[in-house]
Amino acid sequence: MKKKFAAFALCLICLLSAAGCGQAKTDTQTPPTADQSAVTDDYLTTISGTYVELFPELSKSEYRSIWIDATTPIVGAENAETTTDMLLGMCMAEPYGPVAAEKYASDPNSMAFNCYFLGGVDKFVMDGHTITGLDAQGQEVFSRTYKLLDEENENGFIFYQSEDENSGQFTYFAFSPDTMETTYHLEFRYAEDLSDLQSWFEGNYAYWNAAAIAEDYDQATMKHVIELFTTENLSAAE
């Protein structure tokens, strides 16, 4: 789930003394992140479906054994439980924005990301260039059609803007070029101000990066995404 998370996780692992502190690497057994140049022009049409928050699904008790099996070869059986909790916790924080930036500036060891959906959205429905957000009762929070922007950014995200100027918090979306076929999950951000999507660590949405998985995922997909997340964030160059 991106080099930013990998570097962040390795810093935490060093504190646990559970693994080496080298540069993160991607397991050659797992698919590489999607090539942005290949998906940029039509990215939204490649992710049609209904999505729920990833980390509440990852943390379900029935998947604990998958986590332990994935972490044990890297950090050892004695550290697998602690490392699993650390990996889940690094993306399940509540603070984001200026509050998080202030908190982590004074206490760097507590740094974590909020990877939940914001704005009262419980599910996202992607349908071509239309994005719809539904609340916990299945009621529509918003539904807009989006156009691609030619926006340079340090994170390699693909930017879209709502065709409705009155879209509030859902005016701009920034997607990592992930798909369910390549990395088994999605990562994206959204905001009313484009400038708030340029950095993970500054602005009104600092330390926030929504992570999602298809609502109809199966256990094989869950196993893949756990193995990918574990490998990218724990493996160290030898």
Protein backbone atom coordinates (compact mmCIF):
# COMPACT_ATOMS: atom_id res chain seq x y z
CA MET A 1 0.00 0.00 0.00
CA LYS A 2 2.46 2.51 -1.22
CA LYS A 3 5.97 3.38 -0.11
CA LYS A 4 4.69 5.98 2.36
CA PHE A 5 3.05 3.28 4.46
CA ALA A 6 6.02 0.98 4.04
CA ALA A 7 8.47 3.56 5.35
CA PHE A 8 6.10 4.44 8.18
CA ALA A 9 5.64 0.81 9.17
CA LEU A 10 9.34 0.10 9.16
CA CYS A 11 9.89 2.96 11.60
CA LEU A 12 7.34 1.39 13.94
CA ILE A 13 8.84 -2.07 13.52
CA CYS A 14 12.25 -0.73 14.47
CA LEU A 15 10.70 0.39 17.75
CA LEU A 16 9.38 -3.16 18.28
CA SER A 17 12.76 -4.66 17.30
CA ALA A 18 10.74 -7.21 15.40
CA ALA A 19 12.36 -6.86 11.99
CA GLY A 20 15.23 -5.23 10.19
CA CYS A 21 15.15 -1.54 9.41
CA GLY A 22 16.18 -1.57 5.77
CA GLN A 23 14.32 -0.17 2.81
CA ALA A 24 10.94 -1.75 2.09
CA LYS A 25 10.64 -3.96 -0.95
CA THR A 26 7.72 -5.53 -2.75
CA ASP A 27 7.43 -9.30 -2.77
CA THR A 28 7.87 -10.58 -6.32
CA GLN A 29 5.02 -13.02 -5.61
CA THR A 30 2.51 -10.17 -5.34
CA PRO A 31 1.23 -8.13 -8.29
CA PRO A 32 2.85 -4.69 -8.71
CA THR A 33 0.88 -1.51 -8.25
CA ALA A 34 -1.05 -0.58 -11.38
CA ASP A 35 0.86 1.44 -13.95
CA GLN A 36 -0.62 4.93 -13.79
CA SER A 37 0.16 5.68 -17.43
CA ALA A 38 -1.95 2.70 -18.47
CA VAL A 39 -5.03 3.60 -16.44
CA THR A 40 -5.08 7.38 -16.13
CA ASP A 41 -7.28 8.17 -19.13
CA ASP A 42 -10.06 5.83 -18.11
CA TYR A 43 -9.26 4.93 -14.50
CA LEU A 44 -12.74 5.36 -13.03
CA THR A 45 -14.22 2.94 -15.54
CA THR A 46 -11.83 0.22 -14.31
CA ILE A 47 -13.08 0.25 -10.71
CA SER A 48 -16.87 0.08 -11.10
CA GLY A 49 -18.48 -1.58 -8.09
CA THR A 50 -19.52 -1.04 -4.48
CA TYR A 51 -16.82 -0.53 -1.85
CA VAL A 52 -16.65 -0.63 1.93
CA GLU A 53 -13.91 0.44 4.33
CA LEU A 54 -10.91 -1.87 4.14
CA PHE A 55 -9.51 -1.86 7.65
CA PRO A 56 -12.68 -2.82 9.55
CA GLU A 57 -12.76 -5.85 7.24
CA LEU A 58 -9.05 -6.60 7.70
CA SER A 59 -9.45 -6.57 11.48
CA LYS A 60 -12.24 -9.16 11.64
CA SER A 61 -11.41 -12.09 13.91
CA GLU A 62 -11.93 -14.67 11.18
CA TYR A 63 -8.93 -13.27 9.30
CA ARG A 64 -6.54 -13.23 12.24
CA SER A 65 -4.91 -16.52 11.24
CA ILE A 66 -4.18 -15.12 7.77
CA TRP A 67 -2.35 -12.21 9.40
CA ILE A 68 -0.33 -14.50 11.63
CA ASP A 69 0.60 -16.74 8.71
CA ALA A 70 1.69 -13.68 6.71
CA THR A 71 3.74 -11.97 9.43
CA THR A 72 5.40 -15.00 11.02
CA PRO A 73 7.93 -15.72 8.22
CA ILE A 74 9.09 -12.10 8.36
CA VAL A 75 9.14 -11.23 12.08
CA GLY A 76 9.03 -14.63 13.77
CA ALA A 77 6.25 -16.43 15.61
CA GLU A 78 7.02 -14.63 18.87
CA ASN A 79 6.37 -11.24 17.25
CA ALA A 80 3.51 -12.10 14.88
CA GLU A 81 0.65 -11.07 17.16
CA THR A 82 2.22 -7.75 18.16
CA THR A 83 3.21 -6.96 14.59
CA THR A 84 -0.28 -7.74 13.31
CA ASP A 85 -1.77 -5.33 15.84
CA MET A 86 0.78 -2.70 14.82
CA LEU A 87 -0.01 -3.06 11.12
CA LEU A 88 -3.73 -2.73 11.72
CA GLY A 89 -3.28 0.19 14.09
CA MET A 90 -1.16 2.21 11.69
CA CYS A 91 -4.25 2.89 9.56
CA MET A 92 -7.07 2.94 12.10
CA ALA A 93 -6.45 6.25 13.89
CA GLU A 94 -9.22 8.78 14.46
CA PRO A 95 -7.36 12.15 14.27
CA TYR A 96 -6.61 13.74 10.91
CA GLY A 97 -5.91 17.23 9.61
CA PRO A 98 -4.35 19.93 11.81
CA VAL A 99 -5.28 18.02 14.98
CA ALA A 100 -3.30 15.00 13.83
CA ALA A 101 -0.39 17.11 12.58
CA GLU A 102 -0.09 18.80 15.97
CA LYS A 103 -0.42 15.52 17.86
CA TYR A 104 2.23 13.71 15.84
CA ALA A 105 4.61 16.67 15.88
CA SER A 106 4.69 16.47 19.66
CA ASP A 107 4.58 12.66 19.81
CA PRO A 108 6.02 11.14 16.60
CA ASN A 109 5.89 7.60 18.00
CA SER A 110 2.09 7.77 18.08
CA MET A 111 1.80 8.59 14.36
CA ALA A 112 -0.91 6.72 12.46
CA PHE A 113 -3.27 7.29 9.53
CA ASN A 114 -7.04 7.59 9.46
CA CYS A 115 -8.05 5.29 6.60
CA TYR A 116 -11.82 5.50 7.08
CA PHE A 117 -14.45 7.14 4.87
CA LEU A 118 -15.34 10.72 5.82
CA GLY A 119 -18.45 12.83 5.29
CA GLY A 120 -21.01 10.32 6.56
CA VAL A 121 -20.30 7.81 3.78
CA ASP A 122 -20.55 4.11 4.63
CA LYS A 123 -20.20 2.76 1.07
CA PHE A 124 -18.96 4.13 -2.23
CA VAL A 125 -20.52 3.08 -5.50
CA MET A 126 -18.32 3.62 -8.58
CA ASP A 127 -20.18 3.50 -11.89
CA GLY A 128 -18.16 4.76 -14.83
CA HIS A 129 -17.49 8.44 -14.11
CA THR A 130 -20.25 8.65 -11.51
CA ILE A 131 -19.36 8.33 -7.83
CA THR A 132 -22.10 7.86 -5.24
CA GLY A 133 -21.79 7.78 -1.47
CA LEU A 134 -24.30 5.90 0.68
CA ASP A 135 -24.75 6.20 4.45
CA ALA A 136 -25.15 3.33 6.90
CA GLN A 137 -28.88 3.14 6.12
CA GLY A 138 -28.26 2.96 2.39
CA GLN A 139 -29.43 6.52 1.80
CA GLU A 140 -27.62 8.65 -0.76
CA VAL A 141 -25.16 11.16 0.71
CA PHE A 142 -24.08 12.45 -2.70
CA SER A 143 -23.91 11.37 -6.33
CA ARG A 144 -21.82 13.25 -8.87
CA THR A 145 -20.23 12.83 -12.29
CA TYR A 146 -16.49 13.50 -12.40
CA LYS A 147 -14.03 14.62 -15.06
CA LEU A 148 -10.33 13.84 -15.19
CA LEU A 149 -7.88 16.60 -14.25
CA ASP A 150 -4.34 16.99 -15.53
CA GLU A 151 -2.81 17.52 -12.11
CA GLU A 152 0.82 16.95 -11.20
CA ASN A 153 1.39 15.66 -7.68
CA GLU A 154 4.09 14.01 -5.61
CA ASN A 155 1.97 10.99 -4.71
CA GLY A 156 1.16 9.73 -8.20
CA PHE A 157 -2.57 10.07 -7.64
CA ILE A 158 -5.13 10.48 -10.43
CA PHE A 159 -7.32 13.54 -9.87
CA TYR A 160 -10.98 14.08 -10.72
CA GLN A 161 -13.29 17.06 -10.29
CA SER A 162 -17.05 17.05 -9.89
CA GLU A 163 -19.02 18.58 -12.76
CA ASP A 164 -21.31 20.11 -10.12
CA GLU A 165 -19.70 23.14 -8.49
CA ASN A 166 -21.86 22.64 -5.38
CA SER A 167 -20.30 19.35 -4.35
CA GLY A 168 -18.73 20.44 -1.07
CA GLN A 169 -16.41 17.86 0.46
CA PHE A 170 -16.90 15.65 -2.61
CA THR A 171 -15.71 18.21 -5.16
CA TYR A 172 -12.30 16.63 -5.81
CA PHE A 173 -11.17 13.00 -5.68
CA ALA A 174 -7.58 11.78 -5.86
CA PHE A 175 -7.12 8.06 -6.57
CA SER A 176 -4.07 5.90 -6.31
CA PRO A 177 -3.98 3.74 -9.48
CA ASP A 178 -5.00 0.64 -7.53
CA THR A 179 -7.68 -1.79 -8.68
CA MET A 180 -9.20 -4.93 -7.22
CA GLU A 181 -7.45 -6.91 -9.95
CA THR A 182 -3.95 -5.56 -9.26
CA THR A 183 -3.71 -4.74 -5.55
CA TYR A 184 -7.03 -6.08 -4.23
CA HIS A 185 -8.09 -2.73 -2.75
CA LEU A 186 -8.48 0.99 -3.52
CA GLU A 187 -6.89 4.06 -1.97
CA PHE A 188 -8.31 7.53 -2.48
CA ARG A 189 -8.87 10.94 -0.92
CA TYR A 190 -11.51 13.63 -1.45
CA ALA A 191 -11.93 17.24 -0.44
CA GLU A 192 -13.59 20.54 -1.29
CA ASP A 193 -10.20 22.19 -1.94
CA LEU A 194 -7.73 20.68 -4.38
CA SER A 195 -4.78 21.91 -2.32
CA ASP A 196 -5.81 19.63 0.55
CA LEU A 197 -5.10 16.58 -1.60
CA GLN A 198 -1.53 17.42 -2.50
CA SER A 199 0.13 16.14 0.68
CA TRP A 200 -0.52 13.33 3.14
CA PHE A 201 1.04 15.32 5.96
CA GLU A 202 -0.30 18.87 5.57
CA GLY A 203 -3.64 20.63 5.27
CA ASN A 204 -7.17 19.89 6.40
CA TYR A 205 -6.87 16.20 5.48
CA ALA A 206 -3.36 15.45 6.72
CA TYR A 207 -2.83 11.86 7.86
CA TRP A 208 -5.98 10.67 6.08
CA ASN A 209 -6.11 8.28 3.15
CA ALA A 210 -9.29 6.25 2.60
CA ALA A 211 -8.76 2.54 1.95
CA ALA A 212 -11.54 0.44 0.43
CA ILE A 213 -12.31 -3.09 -0.68
CA ALA A 214 -15.09 -4.41 -2.90
CA GLU A 215 -18.18 -5.21 -0.86
CA ASP A 216 -18.43 -8.64 -2.48
CA TYR A 217 -14.81 -9.66 -1.83
CA ASP A 218 -14.09 -13.32 -1.12
CA GLN A 219 -11.64 -14.93 1.29
CA ALA A 220 -9.02 -15.42 -1.42
CA THR A 221 -9.06 -11.66 -2.07
CA MET A 222 -8.74 -10.95 1.65
CA LYS A 223 -5.76 -13.29 1.84
CA HIS A 224 -4.13 -11.52 -1.10
CA VAL A 225 -4.57 -8.04 0.32
CA ILE A 226 -3.26 -9.07 3.75
CA GLU A 227 -0.22 -10.73 2.21
CA LEU A 228 0.42 -7.71 0.00
CA PHE A 229 0.07 -5.24 2.86
CA THR A 230 2.28 -7.35 5.11
CA THR A 231 4.98 -7.89 2.52
CA GLU A 232 5.18 -4.27 1.39
CA ASN A 233 5.33 -2.97 4.94
CA LEU A 234 7.54 -5.55 6.64
CA SER A 235 9.99 -6.90 4.08
CA ALA A 236 13.44 -5.36 4.28
CA ALA A 237 16.21 -5.39 1.69
CA GLU A 238 18.89 -7.89 2.54
